[in-house]
Protein backbone atom coordinates (compact mmCIF):
# COMPACT_ATOMS: atom_id res chain seq x y z
CA MET A 1 0.00 0.00 0.00
CA LYS A 2 1.32 3.42 -0.96
CA LYS A 3 2.52 5.48 2.00
CA PRO A 4 0.58 8.77 2.41
CA PRO A 5 2.51 12.05 1.98
CA SER A 6 4.35 13.34 5.03
CA LEU A 7 2.28 15.61 7.26
CA THR A 8 4.70 18.53 7.50
CA PRO A 9 4.95 19.45 3.77
CA ARG A 10 1.16 19.26 3.53
CA TRP A 11 0.93 21.58 6.54
CA SER A 12 3.00 24.32 4.91
CA LYS A 13 0.82 24.20 1.78
CA THR A 14 -2.50 24.15 3.65
CA ILE A 15 -2.36 25.87 7.05
CA VAL A 16 -1.96 29.63 7.59
CA ASP A 17 1.61 30.37 8.65
CA THR A 18 0.98 31.63 12.19
CA TYR A 19 3.23 29.02 13.84
CA GLY A 20 5.65 28.10 11.06
CA THR A 21 5.85 24.57 9.73
CA PRO A 22 5.99 22.02 12.56
CA PRO A 23 9.17 19.92 12.64
CA VAL A 24 7.28 16.69 13.38
CA GLY A 25 3.93 15.14 12.47
CA LEU A 26 2.32 13.31 15.39
CA VAL A 27 -0.16 10.47 14.95
CA SER A 28 -0.86 8.90 18.36
CA GLY A 29 -0.15 9.01 22.07
CA GLN A 30 -0.52 7.10 25.32
CA GLY A 31 0.03 8.50 28.80
CA ALA A 32 2.76 11.12 28.40
CA THR A 33 4.33 9.49 25.32
CA LEU A 34 3.65 10.54 21.73
CA THR A 35 4.44 8.77 18.44
CA ASP A 36 5.20 10.46 15.13
CA GLU A 37 4.38 9.33 11.59
CA GLU A 38 7.75 7.54 11.33
CA GLY A 39 7.09 5.52 14.49
CA LYS A 40 9.49 7.48 16.71
CA SER A 41 8.41 8.00 20.34
CA TYR A 42 8.67 11.21 22.39
CA ILE A 43 8.09 11.85 26.07
CA ASP A 44 5.98 14.99 26.22
CA LEU A 45 6.94 17.62 28.81
CA LEU A 46 4.65 20.24 27.24
CA ALA A 47 1.20 18.53 27.08
CA GLY A 48 -0.06 20.67 24.24
CA ILE A 49 0.93 23.76 26.28
CA ALA A 50 -0.48 22.56 29.61
CA VAL A 51 -3.67 21.21 27.99
CA ASN A 52 -3.53 17.40 28.03
CA SER A 53 -3.91 17.16 31.78
CA LEU A 54 -4.93 13.49 31.79
CA GLY A 55 -2.44 12.52 29.10
CA TYR A 56 -3.06 10.81 25.78
CA GLY A 57 -5.41 7.91 25.14
CA ASN A 58 -7.20 8.37 28.46
CA ALA A 59 -9.93 5.71 28.47
CA GLN A 60 -12.35 7.64 30.69
CA VAL A 61 -12.18 10.77 28.55
CA ALA A 62 -12.56 8.74 25.36
CA GLN A 63 -15.57 6.87 26.74
CA ALA A 64 -17.27 10.01 28.05
CA VAL A 65 -16.77 11.93 24.79
CA SER A 66 -17.83 8.97 22.65
CA ARG A 67 -20.91 8.28 24.76
CA GLN A 68 -21.96 11.93 24.68
CA ALA A 69 -21.31 12.25 20.94
CA ARG A 70 -23.62 9.30 20.32
CA THR A 71 -26.26 10.79 22.62
CA LEU A 72 -26.36 14.56 22.04
CA VAL A 73 -23.58 16.54 20.35
CA HIS A 74 -24.85 20.11 20.44
CA THR A 75 -27.92 22.12 21.42
CA SER A 76 -26.69 25.73 21.88
CA ASN A 77 -27.46 27.57 25.11
CA LEU A 78 -31.12 27.91 24.17
CA PHE A 79 -31.62 24.56 25.92
CA ALA A 80 -30.36 22.95 29.13
CA THR A 81 -28.26 19.77 29.08
CA GLN A 82 -26.98 17.50 31.84
CA PRO A 83 -23.21 17.69 31.09
CA VAL A 84 -23.05 21.49 31.27
CA LEU A 85 -25.00 21.60 34.54
CA ASP A 86 -22.84 18.86 36.06
CA ALA A 87 -19.62 20.65 35.08
CA GLY A 88 -20.89 24.01 36.29
CA GLU A 89 -21.99 22.65 39.66
CA LYS A 90 -18.64 20.90 40.13
CA LEU A 91 -16.74 24.12 39.38
CA ILE A 92 -18.90 26.04 41.84
CA ARG A 93 -18.08 23.47 44.53
CA ARG A 94 -14.38 23.91 43.72
CA VAL A 95 -14.72 27.66 44.22
CA GLY A 96 -16.43 27.05 47.55
CA ASP A 97 -19.14 29.65 47.01
CA SER A 98 -22.62 28.32 46.30
CA ASP A 99 -23.64 31.72 44.90
CA ALA A 100 -20.98 31.60 42.15
CA ARG A 101 -22.05 31.24 38.52
CA VAL A 102 -20.25 29.82 35.46
CA PHE A 103 -20.13 30.96 31.84
CA PHE A 104 -18.78 28.26 29.52
CA CYS A 105 -16.95 29.10 26.29
CA ASN A 106 -14.33 27.45 24.09
CA SER A 107 -10.86 28.80 24.99
CA GLY A 108 -8.84 30.84 27.44
CA ALA A 109 -8.97 33.91 25.20
CA GLU A 110 -12.77 33.71 25.15
CA ALA A 111 -12.88 33.30 28.93
CA ASN A 112 -10.80 36.46 29.28
CA GLU A 113 -12.92 38.29 26.70
CA ALA A 114 -15.92 37.56 28.93
CA ALA A 115 -14.00 38.87 31.94
CA PHE A 116 -13.13 42.05 30.00
CA LYS A 117 -16.83 42.59 29.22
CA LEU A 118 -17.76 42.03 32.87
CA ALA A 119 -15.33 44.80 33.80
CA ARG A 120 -17.00 47.11 31.28
CA LEU A 121 -20.41 46.33 32.78
CA THR A 122 -19.36 47.87 36.11
CA GLY A 123 -19.68 51.28 34.44
CA ARG A 124 -16.04 52.05 35.24
CA ARG A 125 -13.46 52.47 32.48
CA ARG A 126 -10.00 51.52 33.80
CA ILE A 127 -8.64 47.95 33.74
CA LEU A 128 -5.20 47.34 35.26
CA ALA A 129 -3.18 44.45 33.84
CA ALA A 130 0.31 43.12 34.58
CA GLU A 131 3.32 43.84 32.42
CA HIS A 132 4.47 40.67 30.61
CA GLY A 133 1.15 38.96 31.33
CA PHE A 134 -0.57 36.87 28.68
CA HIS A 135 -4.35 36.57 28.36
CA GLY A 136 -4.94 35.56 24.74
CA ARG A 137 -4.78 36.67 21.12
CA THR A 138 -8.29 37.97 20.42
CA MET A 139 -8.52 41.76 20.44
CA GLY A 140 -9.88 42.21 23.95
CA ALA A 141 -7.64 39.56 25.48
CA LEU A 142 -4.69 41.00 23.54
CA ALA A 143 -5.42 44.45 24.97
CA LEU A 144 -5.00 42.89 28.44
CA THR A 145 -1.73 41.18 27.42
CA GLY A 146 1.28 43.14 28.67
CA GLN A 147 3.58 42.23 25.77
CA PRO A 148 3.97 45.11 23.29
CA ASP A 149 5.58 42.93 20.61
CA LYS A 150 2.37 40.87 20.39
CA GLN A 151 0.16 43.96 20.36
CA ARG A 152 2.04 46.28 18.01
CA ALA A 153 0.66 45.17 14.65
CA PHE A 154 -2.96 45.29 15.84
CA HIS A 155 -3.43 48.80 17.17
CA PRO A 156 -5.80 50.39 17.92
CA LEU A 157 -6.79 47.88 20.58
CA PRO A 158 -9.74 48.29 22.96
CA GLY A 159 -8.85 51.14 25.30
CA GLY A 160 -8.87 51.72 29.02
CA VAL A 161 -6.12 49.21 29.88
CA GLU A 162 -3.12 50.36 31.92
CA PHE A 163 -0.17 48.19 32.95
CA TYR A 164 1.62 47.70 36.27
CA PRO A 165 4.86 45.81 37.10
CA PHE A 166 3.90 42.27 38.07
CA GLY A 167 4.44 41.78 41.79
CA ASP A 168 4.82 45.50 42.68
CA ALA A 169 1.95 46.10 45.10
CA ASP A 170 3.05 49.66 45.95
CA TYR A 171 3.07 50.73 42.30
CA LEU A 172 -0.32 49.12 41.74
CA CYS A 173 -1.77 50.85 44.80
CA GLN A 174 -0.55 54.23 43.54
CA LEU A 175 -2.01 53.49 40.10
CA VAL A 176 -5.41 52.66 41.60
CA GLU A 177 -5.40 55.73 43.81
CA GLN A 178 -5.01 57.99 40.77
CA ASP A 179 -8.68 57.27 40.04
CA PRO A 180 -10.15 54.55 42.27
CA THR A 181 -13.80 55.27 41.45
CA ASP A 182 -13.16 54.67 37.74
CA THR A 183 -11.04 51.51 38.17
CA ALA A 184 -13.16 48.56 37.07
CA ALA A 185 -10.83 45.58 37.44
CA ILE A 186 -7.35 44.28 38.13
CA ILE A 187 -6.34 41.17 36.20
CA LEU A 188 -3.38 38.91 36.92
CA GLU A 189 -2.04 35.37 36.58
CA PRO A 190 -0.88 33.58 39.74
CA ILE A 191 2.07 32.39 37.63
CA GLN A 192 2.95 34.11 34.37
CA GLY A 193 3.41 31.16 32.03
CA GLU A 194 4.20 32.61 28.61
CA THR A 195 6.85 34.92 30.05
CA GLY A 196 8.86 32.09 31.55
CA VAL A 197 6.90 30.64 34.51
CA ILE A 198 7.16 33.57 36.91
CA PRO A 199 5.12 33.18 40.12
CA ALA A 200 3.58 36.18 41.85
CA PRO A 201 5.71 37.10 44.90
CA ALA A 202 4.41 35.78 48.21
CA GLY A 203 1.72 38.06 49.60
CA PHE A 204 1.23 40.04 46.38
CA MET A 205 -2.13 38.52 45.48
CA GLN A 206 -3.43 39.06 49.01
CA LYS A 207 -2.53 42.75 48.80
CA VAL A 208 -4.27 43.03 45.43
CA ASN A 209 -7.34 41.31 46.90
CA GLU A 210 -7.40 43.81 49.80
CA LEU A 211 -7.02 46.71 47.38
CA CYS A 212 -9.93 45.47 45.27
CA ASP A 213 -12.13 45.03 48.34
CA GLU A 214 -11.29 48.52 49.58
CA TYR A 215 -12.35 50.24 46.36
CA GLY A 216 -15.00 47.86 44.98
CA ILE A 217 -12.77 46.72 42.10
CA LEU A 218 -13.19 43.36 40.36
CA LEU A 219 -10.30 40.98 40.96
CA ILE A 220 -9.90 38.81 37.85
CA VAL A 221 -7.56 35.83 38.26
CA ASP A 222 -6.49 34.17 35.02
CA GLU A 223 -6.15 30.45 35.81
CA VAL A 224 -6.16 29.40 32.14
CA GLN A 225 -2.76 27.72 32.42
CA THR A 226 -2.50 27.24 36.19
CA GLY A 227 -5.98 25.85 36.89
CA ALA A 228 -7.41 22.32 36.99
CA GLY A 229 -4.64 20.98 39.22
CA ARG A 230 -1.59 22.07 37.24
CA THR A 231 0.22 23.57 40.25
CA GLY A 232 -0.77 20.96 42.85
CA THR A 233 -3.92 22.74 44.00
CA PHE A 234 -7.05 22.93 41.85
CA PHE A 235 -6.63 26.70 41.54
CA ALA A 236 -3.20 28.26 41.95
CA HIS A 237 -4.66 31.25 43.85
CA GLU A 238 -5.75 28.91 46.67
CA VAL A 239 -2.21 29.04 48.05
CA GLU A 240 -2.62 32.75 48.81
CA GLY A 241 -6.15 32.38 50.16
CA VAL A 242 -7.55 35.12 47.91
CA GLN A 243 -11.20 35.42 46.84
CA PRO A 244 -11.38 36.53 43.18
CA ASP A 245 -14.56 38.01 41.74
CA VAL A 246 -13.79 36.38 38.39
CA ILE A 247 -11.77 33.24 37.60
CA THR A 248 -10.97 32.32 34.01
CA MET A 249 -10.11 28.75 32.99
CA ALA A 250 -9.42 26.62 29.90
CA LYS A 251 -6.49 24.38 28.86
CA GLY A 252 -6.39 21.44 31.29
CA LEU A 253 -10.10 21.69 32.12
CA GLY A 254 -11.04 19.69 29.01
CA ALA A 255 -8.10 17.24 28.94
CA GLY A 256 -7.49 18.19 25.29
CA VAL A 257 -11.10 18.93 24.28
CA PRO A 258 -11.56 22.70 23.71
CA ILE A 259 -13.40 24.38 26.58
CA GLY A 260 -13.14 27.58 28.57
CA ALA A 261 -14.94 28.88 31.65
CA THR A 262 -15.46 32.23 33.32
CA ILE A 263 -16.53 31.81 36.94
CA THR A 264 -18.21 34.82 38.55
CA ARG A 265 -18.93 35.53 42.18
CA GLY A 266 -19.41 38.46 44.53
CA ARG A 267 -19.43 41.80 42.72
CA ALA A 268 -19.28 40.10 39.32
CA ARG A 269 -21.97 37.45 39.70
CA ASP A 270 -24.96 39.36 38.34
CA LEU A 271 -23.30 41.68 35.82
CA PHE A 272 -24.20 39.58 32.78
CA LYS A 273 -27.89 39.77 31.84
CA PRO A 274 -29.80 37.96 29.08
CA GLY A 275 -28.48 39.22 25.75
CA SER A 276 -25.32 40.88 27.14
CA HIS A 277 -23.00 38.05 26.10
CA GLY A 278 -23.11 34.66 24.44
CA THR A 279 -21.40 31.92 22.47
CA THR A 280 -22.88 29.30 20.16
CA PHE A 281 -20.55 26.46 21.14
CA GLY A 282 -19.95 27.36 24.79
CA GLY A 283 -21.19 24.65 27.14
CA ASN A 284 -21.12 22.10 24.36
CA PRO A 285 -22.23 18.75 25.84
CA VAL A 286 -19.25 16.83 24.41
CA ALA A 287 -16.71 19.33 25.76
CA CYS A 288 -18.45 19.36 29.13
CA ALA A 289 -18.44 15.55 29.21
CA ALA A 290 -14.63 15.70 28.99
CA ALA A 291 -14.49 18.43 31.65
CA ASN A 292 -16.58 16.29 33.98
CA VAL A 293 -13.97 13.52 33.77
CA VAL A 294 -11.25 16.01 34.72
CA LEU A 295 -13.31 17.43 37.57
CA ASP A 296 -14.02 13.93 38.91
CA THR A 297 -10.40 12.80 38.55
CA VAL A 298 -8.52 15.75 40.03
CA ASP A 299 -9.21 15.00 43.68
CA ALA A 300 -7.04 15.42 46.79
CA ASP A 301 -5.00 12.25 46.13
CA PHE A 302 -4.44 13.24 42.50
CA LEU A 303 -3.28 16.72 43.54
CA ALA A 304 -0.90 15.21 46.11
CA GLU A 305 0.64 13.15 43.28
CA VAL A 306 1.06 16.28 41.14
CA THR A 307 2.82 18.00 44.04
CA HIS A 308 5.08 14.96 44.58
CA LYS A 309 6.01 14.66 40.90
CA GLY A 310 6.65 18.38 40.67
CA ALA A 311 8.94 18.33 43.70
CA TYR A 312 10.85 15.37 42.26
CA LEU A 313 11.23 17.04 38.87
CA ARG A 314 12.41 20.27 40.51
CA GLN A 315 14.89 18.44 42.73
CA GLU A 316 16.46 16.55 39.82
CA MET A 317 16.59 19.60 37.54
CA GLU A 318 18.34 21.67 40.22
CA LYS A 319 21.23 19.17 40.15
CA LEU A 320 22.04 19.82 36.49
CA PRO A 321 24.81 22.04 35.17
CA LEU A 322 23.63 25.26 33.48
CA VAL A 323 20.52 25.35 35.68
CA GLU A 324 20.54 28.52 37.76
CA ARG A 325 17.21 27.92 39.48
CA VAL A 326 13.81 26.33 39.06
CA ARG A 327 10.65 28.34 39.61
CA GLY A 328 6.94 27.53 39.58
CA ARG A 329 4.80 24.99 41.42
CA GLY A 330 3.56 21.46 40.87
CA LEU A 331 3.96 20.42 37.25
CA MET A 332 4.34 23.97 35.94
CA LEU A 333 8.06 24.65 36.19
CA GLY A 334 10.42 27.15 34.61
CA ILE A 335 14.03 25.96 34.32
CA VAL A 336 16.21 29.08 34.29
CA LEU A 337 19.47 28.44 32.42
CA ALA A 338 22.75 30.28 32.88
CA GLN A 339 23.11 30.71 29.11
CA PRO A 340 20.62 31.62 26.34
CA VAL A 341 20.47 28.06 24.97
CA ALA A 342 16.85 27.10 25.72
CA LYS A 343 15.78 27.01 22.08
CA GLN A 344 18.74 24.80 21.21
CA ALA A 345 17.73 22.50 24.07
CA VAL A 346 14.25 22.24 22.51
CA ARG A 347 15.78 21.22 19.15
CA ASP A 348 18.15 18.74 20.81
CA GLY A 349 15.27 17.32 22.83
CA LEU A 350 13.17 16.67 19.74
CA ALA A 351 16.10 14.86 18.13
CA GLN A 352 16.43 12.70 21.26
CA GLY A 353 12.73 11.95 21.76
CA LEU A 354 11.76 14.67 24.23
CA ILE A 355 9.24 17.48 23.73
CA LEU A 356 10.24 20.69 25.50
CA ASN A 357 9.27 24.36 25.26
CA ALA A 358 11.30 27.57 25.49
CA PRO A 359 9.19 30.67 26.27
CA SER A 360 12.41 32.72 26.35
CA GLU A 361 16.07 32.32 25.41
CA ASN A 362 17.16 31.11 28.84
CA VAL A 363 14.04 29.36 30.19
CA LEU A 364 12.63 25.89 29.58
CA ARG A 365 8.95 25.51 30.48
CA LEU A 366 7.95 22.06 31.73
CA THR A 367 4.19 21.35 31.81
CA PRO A 368 3.85 17.58 31.27
CA PRO A 369 0.58 15.69 31.49
CA LEU A 370 -0.40 15.51 35.15
CA VAL A 371 -0.57 11.72 34.84
CA ILE A 372 3.04 11.33 33.68
CA SER A 373 4.42 8.11 35.16
CA GLN A 374 7.56 7.76 37.25
CA ASP A 375 9.20 5.77 34.44
CA GLU A 376 8.38 8.51 31.91
CA LEU A 377 9.71 11.15 34.29
CA ASP A 378 12.95 9.26 34.85
CA THR A 379 13.48 8.64 31.13
CA ALA A 380 12.81 12.33 30.42
CA LEU A 381 15.25 13.39 33.12
CA THR A 382 17.97 11.10 31.72
CA THR A 383 17.55 12.68 28.31
CA LEU A 384 17.43 16.19 29.75
CA ARG A 385 20.59 15.53 31.72
CA THR A 386 22.39 14.51 28.52
CA ILE A 387 21.12 17.59 26.64
CA VAL A 388 22.07 20.05 29.36
CA GLU A 389 25.48 18.51 29.95
CA GLU A 390 26.29 18.72 26.24
CA LEU A 391 25.17 22.35 26.07
CA ALA A 392 27.21 23.17 29.19
């Protein structure tokens, strides 16, 4: 039988060039291991950018999605369905506030677009966002993203957004006090992922929470990358004990099936009214069926395992030459290198059967599937050790 054409040349002729042509075409996966079209295996330390929380080939996800697809694929939000209600109720229990409400959408950018619109509905104009933060590529989410190189080509962006240095509570307080009655929201990530896995300094989020409470400002916490157990707690902001008005989620919530969520409580709960926002595919029964598997799986024992694996990975990485320090929590780690060789490490990793990511020249971002096995971790670490030693 004639072998089909390679995937990568077809990609360059077919797909818009927003990412460049991928170096590898993948065809299957199991656990944290992927296989390409030539039969070569790779241990995945990226998980589709922190998306495939339950790994590849997960039987429970496959069964839930298949069962739901055979039963009821789509209805729109003009009708109620069981999967969306189950997922929403489970998220509300995770928040710990029975008065919270959930808006389902399809991605992290959409979740943050909804949060942006909630801020507008307060009647105030100013939204304060962190420098170097990342909230998505759609126009509203991009306006909140504190990375000028990503914004530059798309001006004019939606207005009213001002930026503060991430972690500088004094600066942020002064910025708010310039016009507190017109400040609608403060948005932040507990850990800035796209910038190189940079956690908020201890106590910073609490101070922001207090500032928001003092002036009636919405606190929006972007948990798109950190949520659903990635950092060893279901939400990363739990560590600081803060109470956001809005939480945005996506990525790991669907275990690879596209879904986003904007959770509202307190000052934000009743801002959306019928007709003020919507999405055709949001709350899709198939996507919510996958989310229900994640929400049922990520329990206290599962989170303890994530914490244990993360500590082990950190401990072993800190032993390597070239590694200055490791930052992050759970299975969201940034490996800070002493030289700007992270992108070369990604290329070397691919050649040696390891999928890595370099958000900057001297940082490797490790966000493997949360179900990565000890054997897969050890094999990945052996390969990483070889790569780093050769680069050193």
